Structures are given as structure tokens and as C-alpha cells.
Amino acid sequence: MNNKYVLLCSFLALSLGAFSASAKVSKQEADKLGKSLTPFGSIKAGNKAKTIPEWTGGITSVPEGYEGSGQHHIDPFASDEIKFTVDKSNYKGFEKYLTPGQYAMFEAYPETFKLNVYPTHRSHSMPEWVMENTKKNALTSSLNSTGTGIQDAYGGVAFPILHGNNREKALQTVWNHTTRWRGTFVTSRASEVAVQNNGEYAVITKQQEVFFNFFNPKGSFKKMDNILFYFMTFNKAPARLAGGALLVHETMDQKKDARQAWDYNKGQRRTRRAPNLAYDSPISSSENTRTADDTDMFNGAPDRYDWEYKGVKEFFIPYNNYKFGNPDLKYKDIVMTGHANPEHVRWELHRVHVVEANLKKGSRHIYKKRVFYVDEDSWGIALVDQYDNRGELWRVSVAMLLNYYELPGTWSAGNMFHDLQSRRYSINGLYSEEKTAPIFEDKVPAKRYFSPSSLRRRGR
């Protein structure tokens, strides 16, 4: 019994310590960054078929006529012509490059859904200081003992070189998405539309402010606290919702410290602690077409799933979607029954990391399985296929990626969430009708800026 007990303890110690033990790479491996690998860890070379080009630096300057953050973006690839269109007549011939979710969209909406495929531009880029931190992270960063957080990483890609077993690689990929570069401080006014199966929709407009603490230039590389970012949002329209506000302190390891949230009630003029919206809590502004952890394609604690890394593959993903934020477009031009107008969506062939998450035995979530398709350059999730508890494909999420070249860095100009069973969908992050595009700043606010008292004061 004693020998068995000792062996069991040794096994548990090895299992729990596996993340930390194998979560760092050698200096020789890290030195590949900026050489055979891009500074953010993707394969620098193009593919053999030459349908995906070599990364040569991405977008490094703003187009002529662009005057600064907040201006609606000038499309640097506006002169590109469509290479080919995938539609009901030929989509089965492109099955190799289509996710099951995309394939299902063709079958659900054969008369209207299509992919306009453009030349591939590997436009992602990041500031020099973020790339320098990324190389440091490669040598120091690790998953914590449970995989629900990371340590010794700051201000860059946490795991530019994936390593370890499939579970570790999968979690590293997800954390790269969660902590990806999106600037330091951003203010945006954007709308969400929830589209019914008959094409009717409602618009909710909000102003949002986010401070990404993970990229705080005054932070410490060695001493990173458990706050990923601070988030504040104010309802602007419709009138029945205007005046409401929400504050979130987003923690990294949410098993250690749960996400903290406060809401401001305009009628009572009071601020109170909000329920901890997490996991599969429905989001009402989307008409329940997305869950709390669908937001930003995935967020929050990964503890309810078993994670597996499936490798790097080539798929058509939304990329360089400057059309989506074009101020000449009205929301009615974008919204169609079943899905967004395909004439305003740009698809390109890119390599992606494929990660599969299966619900753990005894855990609860409305999604039994989720498959994530993560852009190899920006580490942003581009597509997600989500399965119900019968194992049937249920929901398909799409991120409209583009390089915000004023940063520079790749983020989304809107995320779409399709429910294949109810034939409804929603889009959040739309800003083509707003006076400005998102505004990025380098400022570091005082902690009281994102405090409950500040929420109450600004709400009034």
C-alpha cells in the first residue's frame, strides 16, 4: 500500500507539473523567431502550391489619405479582383478548404451563401516592442498547473512556438488568442444586430472602452497581475436601453479570481454587482444566438473542456475585411436573411491552427464540442464550429479579421454568430454607420477610471 501510495503521488505530481515542466522552449528554438518563423511564431514561408505567400513584414505603413485613428479605414487592397467564387455550383469541390460549418452554411442557404475568394495577403504586423516581448515570452512563459492561466508572460504573444503534448499545444493556442495584441486602450462606438429567420432585425448601439492590462507599457514582465483587461460599456440606443452601463474587470485565471462585473441602472441611478456571466450564459442583445464565452469567439476559463491540438491546415477564412467597416455601407446593406451579404465579405486562403474542445464528463455547457480555427499569424480565432449535446453541428461563428494598421495589429471588424437550427444570426462590433472607427490610444488610465464609483459617476 505504501509503495502504491508513493507511486500515485509521484504520478499526480508529474501530471500537475507537466504544464510548467514542458512549457518553455530552448534559446535555439526561440532564435527561429524572425528567421524561419515570423516574429509571432507562424511559418514565414508560403505553401508549396504558392497559393499562400511568404510573410514579408505585413502592413508597415498606413495608406495614403489615412489621417489617424478613428478615421474609417482606407482599403489597401481595394484594387484586388475576386480570384474565384465558391457557391452552390462548386462548393463540394472545395471541401478540403471548407470547415464543416462553412459546408453546412452552403447546405442551409444554397441560393444566397457564397465565398468570394481574393488573393491572400499576410498583412498582420505588430509594433517592435510587442515582437521583442514575444521572443522573451518564448523563453519564460508557461501554463499554470491547471491550464486555466499563464505565468511569466507579458506584452506579446504568450506562446509563439507551440510545444508539449496536444493538450498543452491546444491550451497555448487558446491563450494566444485570449491575450493577443489589440492595442493598449481602445474606445469604440459600435452596434449589434440580431437577425430573425425572416430577415427582420433590431439594432443595439453601445460605446465601449477597454484597457488591455496585459499590454500595459508600465507593467512588469516578471510580475503580471491577474487582470487581463478592464472594460466599460454604455448603452446609447435604442431609447429604452440608453443610459445603462456595465463595468468588467476581466481576470486571466478565472478559477483563481472570478470575473468581476458591475452594472449601472439608469432608473434607480445605482451601481450594483452584476451576476457573473460566464460559460454558456445567454447574451440577450444577440437574441441568445451567442453565449458569454462565445464573445470575442472565445473567452473565459477553459476548464470545462478537454482540449486537443489538431495541427495546422489550410482553410478559407475572412481576412482583410475593410469593406465591412466602409462608411458608405449601411447596416441594411450588410444584413440579409440567414447571413451577411456575401458581396461585402472577403475570404482568403490561410493556414490556421485547428483546436478541438470536448465537454468533460460531469461538466455542463450547451456545446458538447467546439472546433476553433485560429489564424497562424495573428493568433485570432477566425471561425468556430459548435456542436449540441446530440453531437450535431449547431452554431457557426465568423470573425471579420483585418489589420488595424494604425496599431498595427489584426482584430475583427465584426463577429457573426449563426444558429443553423433556428436560422437566426447576430453580428456585433458593426461600426460602418458610426461617425468614427475604433480609436486606439497609448494612454494608461488610473485604476479609479475603471472603478464602480467611476461607472456610477459617468452613468449619471
Protein backbone atom coordinates (compact mmCIF):
# COMPACT_ATOMS: atom_id res chain seq x y z
CA MET A 1 0.00 0.00 0.00
CA ASN A 2 2.83 2.39 0.86
CA ASN A 3 4.58 1.74 -2.46
CA LYS A 4 1.31 2.26 -4.35
CA TYR A 5 0.68 5.49 -2.46
CA VAL A 6 4.14 6.80 -3.26
CA LEU A 7 3.76 5.87 -6.94
CA LEU A 8 0.34 7.54 -7.08
CA CYS A 9 1.67 10.74 -5.52
CA SER A 10 4.60 10.75 -7.93
CA PHE A 11 2.24 10.33 -10.89
CA LEU A 12 0.00 13.16 -9.70
CA ALA A 13 2.98 15.42 -9.13
CA LEU A 14 4.26 14.73 -12.63
CA SER A 15 0.81 15.27 -14.14
CA LEU A 16 0.17 18.55 -12.35
CA GLY A 17 3.66 19.80 -13.04
CA ALA A 18 3.62 18.78 -16.69
CA PHE A 19 2.47 22.17 -17.91
CA SER A 20 5.28 24.06 -16.15
CA ALA A 21 7.94 21.46 -16.93
CA SER A 22 7.43 21.43 -20.69
CA ALA A 23 6.07 24.92 -21.28
CA LYS A 24 9.29 26.67 -22.26
CA VAL A 25 11.42 26.39 -25.38
CA SER A 26 15.18 26.46 -25.78
CA LYS A 27 17.05 29.57 -26.89
CA GLN A 28 17.90 27.73 -30.11
CA GLU A 29 14.21 27.29 -30.84
CA ALA A 30 13.38 30.87 -29.84
CA ASP A 31 16.06 32.15 -32.22
CA LYS A 32 13.92 30.90 -35.12
CA LEU A 33 11.54 33.80 -34.47
CA GLY A 34 12.15 36.41 -37.14
CA LYS A 35 14.05 33.89 -39.29
CA SER A 36 12.34 30.68 -40.42
CA LEU A 37 9.40 31.75 -38.29
CA THR A 38 7.72 35.16 -38.23
CA PRO A 39 8.30 37.28 -35.09
CA PHE A 40 4.94 35.97 -33.82
CA GLY A 41 5.66 32.28 -34.46
CA SER A 42 3.96 31.37 -37.74
CA ILE A 43 5.68 29.73 -40.70
CA LYS A 44 7.39 32.50 -42.62
CA ALA A 45 7.46 30.66 -45.95
CA GLY A 46 4.46 30.32 -48.22
CA ASN A 47 2.90 26.99 -49.11
CA LYS A 48 4.10 24.64 -51.84
CA ALA A 49 1.21 25.50 -54.14
CA LYS A 50 2.12 29.21 -53.84
CA THR A 51 -1.50 30.00 -53.01
CA ILE A 52 -0.34 31.30 -49.62
CA PRO A 53 2.58 33.73 -49.93
CA GLU A 54 5.62 34.21 -47.74
CA TRP A 55 5.21 36.69 -44.88
CA THR A 56 7.35 39.70 -45.79
CA GLY A 57 6.55 42.07 -42.94
CA GLY A 58 2.81 42.63 -43.26
CA ILE A 59 1.36 46.14 -43.38
CA THR A 60 4.01 48.51 -42.08
CA SER A 61 2.55 51.90 -43.04
CA VAL A 62 -0.88 53.47 -43.44
CA PRO A 63 -2.37 54.06 -46.91
CA GLU A 64 -2.18 57.48 -48.48
CA GLY A 65 -5.06 59.63 -47.28
CA TYR A 66 -5.42 57.95 -43.89
CA GLU A 67 -5.05 60.65 -41.24
CA GLY A 68 -5.21 58.77 -37.95
CA SER A 69 -7.04 56.53 -35.52
CA GLY A 70 -10.80 56.96 -35.62
CA GLN A 71 -10.99 57.55 -39.36
CA HIS A 72 -12.79 54.82 -41.25
CA HIS A 73 -10.17 52.68 -42.89
CA ILE A 74 -8.98 53.02 -46.45
CA ASP A 75 -8.81 49.57 -48.03
CA PRO A 76 -5.16 48.93 -49.04
CA PHE A 77 -6.32 46.03 -51.22
CA ALA A 78 -9.27 47.73 -52.91
CA SER A 79 -7.83 47.05 -56.37
CA ASP A 80 -7.79 43.27 -55.85
CA GLU A 81 -10.15 41.31 -58.05
CA ILE A 82 -12.02 38.17 -56.99
CA LYS A 83 -9.95 35.09 -57.89
CA PHE A 84 -12.98 32.79 -57.88
CA THR A 85 -16.30 32.31 -56.15
CA VAL A 86 -17.36 29.25 -54.20
CA ASP A 87 -21.12 28.78 -54.43
CA LYS A 88 -23.80 26.09 -54.72
CA SER A 89 -22.46 25.02 -58.13
CA ASN A 90 -18.95 24.09 -56.96
CA TYR A 91 -18.63 24.08 -53.16
CA LYS A 92 -18.35 20.29 -52.95
CA GLY A 93 -15.17 20.53 -54.99
CA PHE A 94 -13.61 22.79 -52.35
CA GLU A 95 -14.46 20.60 -49.36
CA LYS A 96 -10.75 20.33 -48.46
CA TYR A 97 -10.62 24.06 -47.72
CA LEU A 98 -14.04 24.39 -46.07
CA THR A 99 -14.79 23.83 -42.41
CA PRO A 100 -17.85 21.69 -41.57
CA GLY A 101 -19.54 24.94 -40.52
CA GLN A 102 -18.95 26.60 -43.89
CA TYR A 103 -20.13 23.44 -45.65
CA ALA A 104 -23.29 23.48 -43.56
CA MET A 105 -23.91 27.13 -44.47
CA PHE A 106 -23.90 26.18 -48.16
CA GLU A 107 -26.42 23.43 -47.48
CA ALA A 108 -28.62 25.70 -45.32
CA TYR A 109 -28.61 28.67 -47.73
CA PRO A 110 -27.75 27.27 -51.19
CA GLU A 111 -29.31 30.14 -53.13
CA THR A 112 -27.62 33.01 -51.31
CA PHE A 113 -24.49 31.88 -49.46
CA LYS A 114 -21.15 32.06 -51.25
CA LEU A 115 -17.49 32.84 -50.68
CA ASN A 116 -15.76 35.45 -52.82
CA VAL A 117 -12.13 34.36 -52.60
CA TYR A 118 -9.47 37.05 -53.09
CA PRO A 119 -5.66 36.91 -53.30
CA THR A 120 -4.10 36.07 -49.94
CA HIS A 121 -2.28 38.90 -48.16
CA ARG A 122 -0.43 38.07 -44.96
CA SER A 123 -0.98 41.57 -43.68
CA HIS A 124 -0.57 41.00 -39.93
CA SER A 125 2.12 43.05 -38.17
CA MET A 126 2.88 44.26 -34.65
CA PRO A 127 4.93 47.04 -33.04
CA GLU A 128 8.60 46.33 -32.40
CA TRP A 129 8.21 46.30 -28.62
CA VAL A 130 5.44 43.67 -28.83
CA MET A 131 7.64 41.47 -31.03
CA GLU A 132 10.54 41.86 -28.59
CA ASN A 133 8.35 40.80 -25.70
CA THR A 134 7.12 37.85 -27.76
CA LYS A 135 10.67 36.49 -28.04
CA LYS A 136 11.13 36.91 -24.28
CA ASN A 137 7.85 35.10 -23.67
CA ALA A 138 9.04 32.14 -25.73
CA LEU A 139 11.81 31.57 -23.16
CA THR A 140 9.82 32.22 -19.98
CA SER A 141 6.07 31.69 -20.36
CA SER A 142 4.24 28.64 -19.10
CA LEU A 143 0.75 27.40 -18.40
CA ASN A 144 -0.14 27.19 -14.75
CA SER A 145 -0.63 23.76 -13.18
CA THR A 146 -4.28 23.51 -14.29
CA GLY A 147 -4.03 25.23 -17.67
CA THR A 148 -6.55 27.86 -16.54
CA GLY A 149 -3.98 30.65 -16.67
CA ILE A 150 -0.47 31.54 -17.79
CA GLN A 151 2.57 32.87 -15.99
CA ASP A 152 5.79 34.75 -16.80
CA ALA A 153 4.31 36.20 -19.99
CA TYR A 154 3.56 39.83 -20.76
CA GLY A 155 3.03 42.30 -23.59
CA GLY A 156 3.36 39.93 -26.55
CA VAL A 157 2.37 36.53 -27.92
CA ALA A 158 2.47 34.27 -24.88
CA PHE A 159 3.45 31.06 -26.72
CA PRO A 160 4.82 31.94 -30.17
CA ILE A 161 6.25 28.42 -30.50
CA LEU A 162 3.79 25.69 -29.53
CA HIS A 163 5.25 22.65 -27.80
CA GLY A 164 4.44 19.84 -25.40
CA ASN A 165 1.60 17.37 -25.83
CA ASN A 166 -1.59 18.00 -27.79
CA ARG A 167 -3.46 19.28 -24.75
CA GLU A 168 -0.73 21.78 -23.93
CA LYS A 169 -0.50 22.98 -27.53
CA ALA A 170 -4.27 23.43 -27.67
CA LEU A 171 -4.35 25.48 -24.47
CA GLN A 172 -1.34 27.53 -25.57
CA THR A 173 -3.17 28.35 -28.81
CA VAL A 174 -6.31 29.41 -26.95
CA TRP A 175 -4.30 31.59 -24.55
CA ASN A 176 -2.53 33.18 -27.52
CA HIS A 177 -5.96 34.17 -28.81
CA THR A 178 -7.18 35.39 -25.43
CA THR A 179 -4.10 37.56 -24.83
CA ARG A 180 -3.46 38.61 -28.44
CA TRP A 181 -2.30 42.13 -29.33
CA ARG A 182 -5.19 44.58 -29.82
CA GLY A 183 -3.54 47.79 -28.65
CA THR A 184 -3.38 49.30 -25.16
CA PHE A 185 -6.52 51.45 -24.88
CA VAL A 186 -9.42 51.46 -27.35
CA THR A 187 -12.68 53.42 -27.48
CA SER A 188 -15.35 52.33 -29.93
CA ARG A 189 -18.96 53.04 -30.72
CA ALA A 190 -20.46 50.00 -32.40
CA SER A 191 -23.74 48.16 -32.90
CA GLU A 192 -25.10 44.67 -32.60
CA VAL A 193 -27.89 43.36 -34.82
CA ALA A 194 -29.93 40.25 -34.06
CA VAL A 195 -31.48 38.95 -37.28
CA GLN A 196 -34.62 36.79 -37.24
CA ASN A 197 -35.24 33.98 -39.72
CA ASN A 198 -37.45 36.30 -41.78
CA GLY A 199 -34.69 38.92 -42.11
CA GLU A 200 -36.10 41.38 -39.58
CA TYR A 201 -33.61 42.76 -37.06
CA ALA A 202 -33.11 45.16 -34.19
CA VAL A 203 -30.05 47.36 -33.61
CA ILE A 204 -28.43 47.99 -30.22
CA THR A 205 -25.66 50.61 -30.13
CA LYS A 206 -23.04 50.88 -27.39
CA GLN A 207 -19.94 52.89 -26.61
CA GLN A 208 -17.13 50.78 -25.20
CA GLU A 209 -13.76 51.48 -23.61
CA VAL A 210 -11.13 48.81 -23.00
CA PHE A 211 -7.74 48.98 -21.33
CA PHE A 212 -5.66 45.88 -22.12
CA ASN A 213 -3.68 45.47 -18.94
CA PHE A 214 -1.68 42.59 -20.44
CA PHE A 215 -0.11 45.20 -22.75
CA ASN A 216 0.30 47.93 -20.14
CA PRO A 217 3.64 49.55 -21.12
CA LYS A 218 4.14 50.44 -17.44
CA GLY A 219 3.66 46.83 -16.41
CA SER A 220 6.24 44.29 -15.38
CA PHE A 221 7.45 41.41 -17.48
CA LYS A 222 8.03 39.28 -14.39
CA LYS A 223 5.16 40.48 -12.21
CA MET A 224 1.91 40.28 -14.14
CA ASP A 225 -1.26 40.54 -12.06
CA ASN A 226 -4.39 38.52 -12.76
CA ILE A 227 -6.25 41.29 -14.65
CA LEU A 228 -6.25 40.81 -18.42
CA PHE A 229 -8.26 43.93 -19.21
CA TYR A 230 -10.74 46.48 -17.90
CA PHE A 231 -13.93 47.00 -19.90
CA MET A 232 -16.70 49.62 -19.67
CA THR A 233 -19.73 49.90 -21.94
CA PHE A 234 -22.59 52.43 -22.15
CA ASN A 235 -25.88 51.78 -23.95
CA LYS A 236 -26.65 54.53 -26.48
CA ALA A 237 -29.63 53.18 -28.44
CA PRO A 238 -32.47 52.29 -28.61
CA ALA A 239 -34.03 54.77 -26.18
CA ARG A 240 -35.45 52.08 -23.89
CA LEU A 241 -31.90 50.84 -23.16
CA ALA A 242 -29.99 54.13 -23.33
CA GLY A 243 -28.28 55.11 -20.10
CA GLY A 244 -27.50 51.61 -18.86
CA ALA A 245 -23.83 50.78 -18.33
CA LEU A 246 -21.60 47.85 -17.42
CA LEU A 247 -18.10 47.56 -15.97
CA VAL A 248 -16.00 44.38 -16.15
CA HIS A 249 -12.66 43.50 -14.57
CA GLU A 250 -11.61 40.56 -16.73
CA THR A 251 -9.34 38.16 -14.86
CA MET A 252 -6.95 35.80 -16.56
CA ASP A 253 -7.23 32.74 -14.30
CA GLN A 254 -10.94 32.77 -13.58
CA LYS A 255 -10.71 29.68 -11.40
CA LYS A 256 -8.47 31.70 -9.09
CA ASP A 257 -10.36 35.01 -9.27
CA ALA A 258 -13.76 35.10 -10.94
CA ARG A 259 -14.58 37.81 -13.44
CA GLN A 260 -15.92 40.88 -11.61
CA ALA A 261 -18.76 42.94 -13.06
CA TRP A 262 -20.97 45.86 -12.04
CA ASP A 263 -23.97 47.38 -13.81
CA TYR A 264 -25.50 50.84 -13.60
CA ASN A 265 -29.29 51.11 -13.55
CA LYS A 266 -30.36 54.44 -15.02
CA GLY A 267 -33.82 54.28 -13.39
CA GLN A 268 -32.50 53.70 -9.88
CA ARG A 269 -29.27 55.62 -10.53
CA ARG A 270 -27.48 52.86 -8.67
CA THR A 271 -24.46 50.66 -9.34
CA ARG A 272 -24.58 47.08 -8.16
CA ARG A 273 -22.62 43.87 -8.59
CA ALA A 274 -23.73 42.07 -11.73
CA PRO A 275 -24.15 38.30 -11.92
CA ASN A 276 -21.01 36.59 -13.15
CA LEU A 277 -21.90 35.99 -16.78
CA ALA A 278 -19.66 33.14 -17.89
CA TYR A 279 -19.57 29.89 -19.83
CA ASP A 280 -22.93 29.32 -21.56
CA SER A 281 -24.91 32.18 -20.04
CA PRO A 282 -27.04 33.57 -22.91
CA ILE A 283 -26.40 37.12 -24.16
CA SER A 284 -29.76 38.85 -24.55
CA SER A 285 -28.60 41.52 -27.01
CA SER A 286 -27.84 38.74 -29.50
CA GLU A 287 -31.33 37.26 -29.04
CA ASN A 288 -29.50 34.32 -27.42
CA THR A 289 -27.56 33.39 -30.56
CA ARG A 290 -24.30 33.55 -28.60
CA THR A 291 -23.18 32.63 -25.12
CA ALA A 292 -21.00 34.60 -22.73
CA ASP A 293 -17.92 32.61 -23.75
CA ASP A 294 -18.73 32.97 -27.47
CA THR A 295 -17.94 36.67 -27.17
CA ASP A 296 -14.69 37.51 -28.98
CA MET A 297 -15.01 33.97 -30.42
CA PHE A 298 -13.88 32.52 -27.06
CA ASN A 299 -13.15 33.95 -23.63
CA GLY A 300 -13.03 32.94 -20.01
CA ALA A 301 -11.94 29.77 -18.23
CA PRO A 302 -11.18 26.71 -20.39
CA ASP A 303 -11.72 24.25 -17.53
CA ARG A 304 -14.97 22.60 -18.69
CA TYR A 305 -13.42 21.08 -21.78
CA ASP A 306 -10.78 18.55 -22.74
CA TRP A 307 -8.55 20.24 -25.30
CA GLU A 308 -6.76 18.70 -28.28
CA TYR A 309 -4.48 20.29 -30.86
CA LYS A 310 -5.21 19.05 -34.40
CA GLY A 311 -2.36 20.72 -36.28
CA VAL A 312 -2.02 23.39 -38.97
CA LYS A 313 -4.27 23.21 -42.03
CA GLU A 314 -5.34 25.45 -44.91
CA PHE A 315 -8.85 26.94 -45.00
CA PHE A 316 -10.72 29.86 -46.48
CA ILE A 317 -11.11 32.40 -43.66
CA PRO A 318 -12.35 36.02 -43.55
CA TYR A 319 -9.33 38.30 -43.91
CA ASN A 320 -8.57 41.93 -44.73
CA ASN A 321 -12.27 42.77 -44.44
CA TYR A 322 -12.01 46.53 -44.85
CA LYS A 323 -15.29 46.50 -46.80
CA PHE A 324 -17.19 45.61 -43.64
CA GLY A 325 -16.32 48.92 -41.97
CA ASN A 326 -16.79 51.06 -45.10
CA PRO A 327 -18.74 54.21 -44.08
CA ASP A 328 -20.63 54.05 -47.39
CA LEU A 329 -22.32 50.87 -46.15
CA LYS A 330 -25.48 50.97 -44.08
CA TYR A 331 -26.35 48.09 -41.80
CA LYS A 332 -29.24 47.26 -44.11
CA ASP A 333 -26.65 46.73 -46.89
CA ILE A 334 -24.84 44.16 -44.74
CA VAL A 335 -27.79 42.28 -43.23
CA MET A 336 -29.58 39.58 -45.25
CA THR A 337 -31.86 36.74 -44.26
CA GLY A 338 -29.71 33.87 -42.95
CA HIS A 339 -26.29 35.53 -43.19
CA ALA A 340 -24.43 38.72 -44.03
CA ASN A 341 -24.37 39.92 -47.63
CA PRO A 342 -21.54 37.89 -49.22
CA GLU A 343 -20.65 40.76 -51.56
CA HIS A 344 -19.18 42.61 -48.55
CA VAL A 345 -17.19 39.69 -47.13
CA ARG A 346 -13.66 38.96 -48.27
CA TRP A 347 -12.28 35.40 -47.97
CA GLU A 348 -8.66 34.35 -48.38
CA LEU A 349 -6.77 31.07 -48.12
CA HIS A 350 -4.68 30.99 -44.92
CA ARG A 351 -3.04 28.45 -42.65
CA VAL A 352 -4.82 28.02 -39.33
CA HIS A 353 -4.23 26.15 -36.10
CA VAL A 354 -7.11 23.73 -35.51
CA VAL A 355 -8.10 23.16 -31.88
CA GLU A 356 -10.88 20.86 -30.68
CA ALA A 357 -12.59 21.12 -27.29
CA ASN A 358 -14.81 18.31 -25.97
CA LEU A 359 -17.00 18.75 -22.92
CA LYS A 360 -15.60 16.96 -19.88
CA LYS A 361 -17.64 14.20 -18.30
CA GLY A 362 -19.69 15.73 -15.50
CA SER A 363 -19.32 19.31 -16.79
CA ARG A 364 -22.22 21.39 -18.08
CA HIS A 365 -22.37 23.50 -21.23
CA ILE A 366 -24.79 23.79 -24.15
CA TYR A 367 -21.92 22.96 -26.54
CA LYS A 368 -20.72 19.37 -26.43
CA LYS A 369 -17.88 20.05 -28.87
CA ARG A 370 -16.24 23.19 -30.24
CA VAL A 371 -13.68 23.38 -33.04
CA PHE A 372 -11.62 26.57 -33.37
CA TYR A 373 -9.77 27.73 -36.49
CA VAL A 374 -7.04 30.16 -35.43
CA ASP A 375 -5.17 32.42 -37.86
CA GLU A 376 -1.49 31.36 -37.82
CA ASP A 377 -0.19 34.95 -37.96
CA SER A 378 -2.36 36.97 -35.57
CA TRP A 379 -3.48 34.08 -33.31
CA GLY A 380 -7.03 35.41 -33.64
CA ILE A 381 -9.82 32.85 -33.91
CA ALA A 382 -11.34 33.25 -37.37
CA LEU A 383 -14.02 30.53 -37.35
CA VAL A 384 -15.70 28.29 -34.79
CA ASP A 385 -17.92 25.22 -35.29
CA GLN A 386 -20.06 24.39 -32.24
CA TYR A 387 -21.99 21.16 -31.66
CA ASP A 388 -25.02 20.49 -29.47
CA ASN A 389 -25.34 17.72 -26.90
CA ARG A 390 -26.58 15.32 -29.57
CA GLY A 391 -23.32 15.81 -31.43
CA GLU A 392 -24.98 17.75 -34.28
CA LEU A 393 -23.46 20.91 -35.73
CA TRP A 394 -25.47 23.76 -34.25
CA ARG A 395 -23.74 27.13 -34.46
CA VAL A 396 -21.09 28.69 -36.69
CA SER A 397 -19.12 31.77 -35.61
CA VAL A 398 -17.18 34.04 -38.00
CA ALA A 399 -14.71 36.88 -37.22
CA MET A 400 -14.20 39.56 -39.86
CA LEU A 401 -10.43 39.95 -39.49
CA LEU A 402 -8.44 42.94 -40.75
CA ASN A 403 -5.23 44.77 -39.87
CA TYR A 404 -5.89 47.98 -37.96
CA TYR A 405 -2.77 49.47 -39.47
CA GLU A 406 -2.73 52.45 -37.10
CA LEU A 407 -1.72 49.98 -34.33
CA PRO A 408 -0.63 47.92 -36.31
CA GLY A 409 -2.36 44.63 -35.48
CA THR A 410 -5.12 42.28 -36.59
CA TRP A 411 -8.54 42.29 -34.92
CA SER A 412 -12.14 41.99 -36.08
CA ALA A 413 -14.47 44.49 -37.75
CA GLY A 414 -17.45 42.45 -36.53
CA ASN A 415 -18.22 38.93 -35.31
CA MET A 416 -21.10 36.84 -36.66
CA PHE A 417 -22.90 34.05 -34.83
CA HIS A 418 -25.14 31.74 -36.88
CA ASP A 419 -27.71 29.36 -35.40
CA LEU A 420 -28.28 26.68 -38.04
CA GLN A 421 -31.27 25.18 -36.26
CA SER A 422 -33.35 28.33 -35.77
CA ARG A 423 -31.96 30.00 -38.91
CA ARG A 424 -31.20 33.17 -36.92
CA TYR A 425 -27.89 35.02 -36.50
CA SER A 426 -26.36 38.09 -34.94
CA ILE A 427 -23.46 40.42 -35.71
CA ASN A 428 -21.69 42.51 -33.09
CA GLY A 429 -18.99 45.15 -33.49
CA LEU A 430 -20.50 46.85 -36.53
CA TYR A 431 -19.30 50.43 -37.00
CA SER A 432 -19.81 51.39 -40.65
CA GLU A 433 -22.73 53.71 -39.70
CA GLU A 434 -20.90 55.27 -36.76
CA LYS A 435 -19.10 58.59 -37.04
CA THR A 436 -15.75 57.02 -36.21
CA ALA A 437 -13.99 53.69 -36.42
CA PRO A 438 -12.43 52.38 -33.17
CA ILE A 439 -9.96 54.85 -31.65
CA PHE A 440 -6.69 53.42 -30.33
CA GLU A 441 -4.56 55.29 -27.79
CA ASP A 442 -1.42 54.57 -25.77
CA LYS A 443 -2.76 56.08 -22.55
CA VAL A 444 -2.66 54.20 -19.25
CA PRO A 445 -5.65 55.25 -17.12
CA ALA A 446 -5.57 55.47 -13.34
CA LYS A 447 -7.13 52.45 -11.64
CA ARG A 448 -10.07 54.54 -10.45
CA TYR A 449 -11.03 55.15 -14.10
CA PHE A 450 -12.44 51.62 -14.25
CA SER A 451 -13.93 51.59 -10.74
CA PRO A 452 -17.60 51.11 -9.73
CA SER A 453 -17.71 54.72 -8.46
CA SER A 454 -16.50 55.92 -11.88
CA LEU A 455 -19.23 53.84 -13.57
CA ARG A 456 -21.87 55.48 -11.35
CA ARG A 457 -20.48 58.98 -11.93
CA ARG A 458 -20.27 58.59 -15.70
CA GLY A 459 -23.64 56.88 -15.87
CA ARG A 460 -25.26 59.91 -14.25
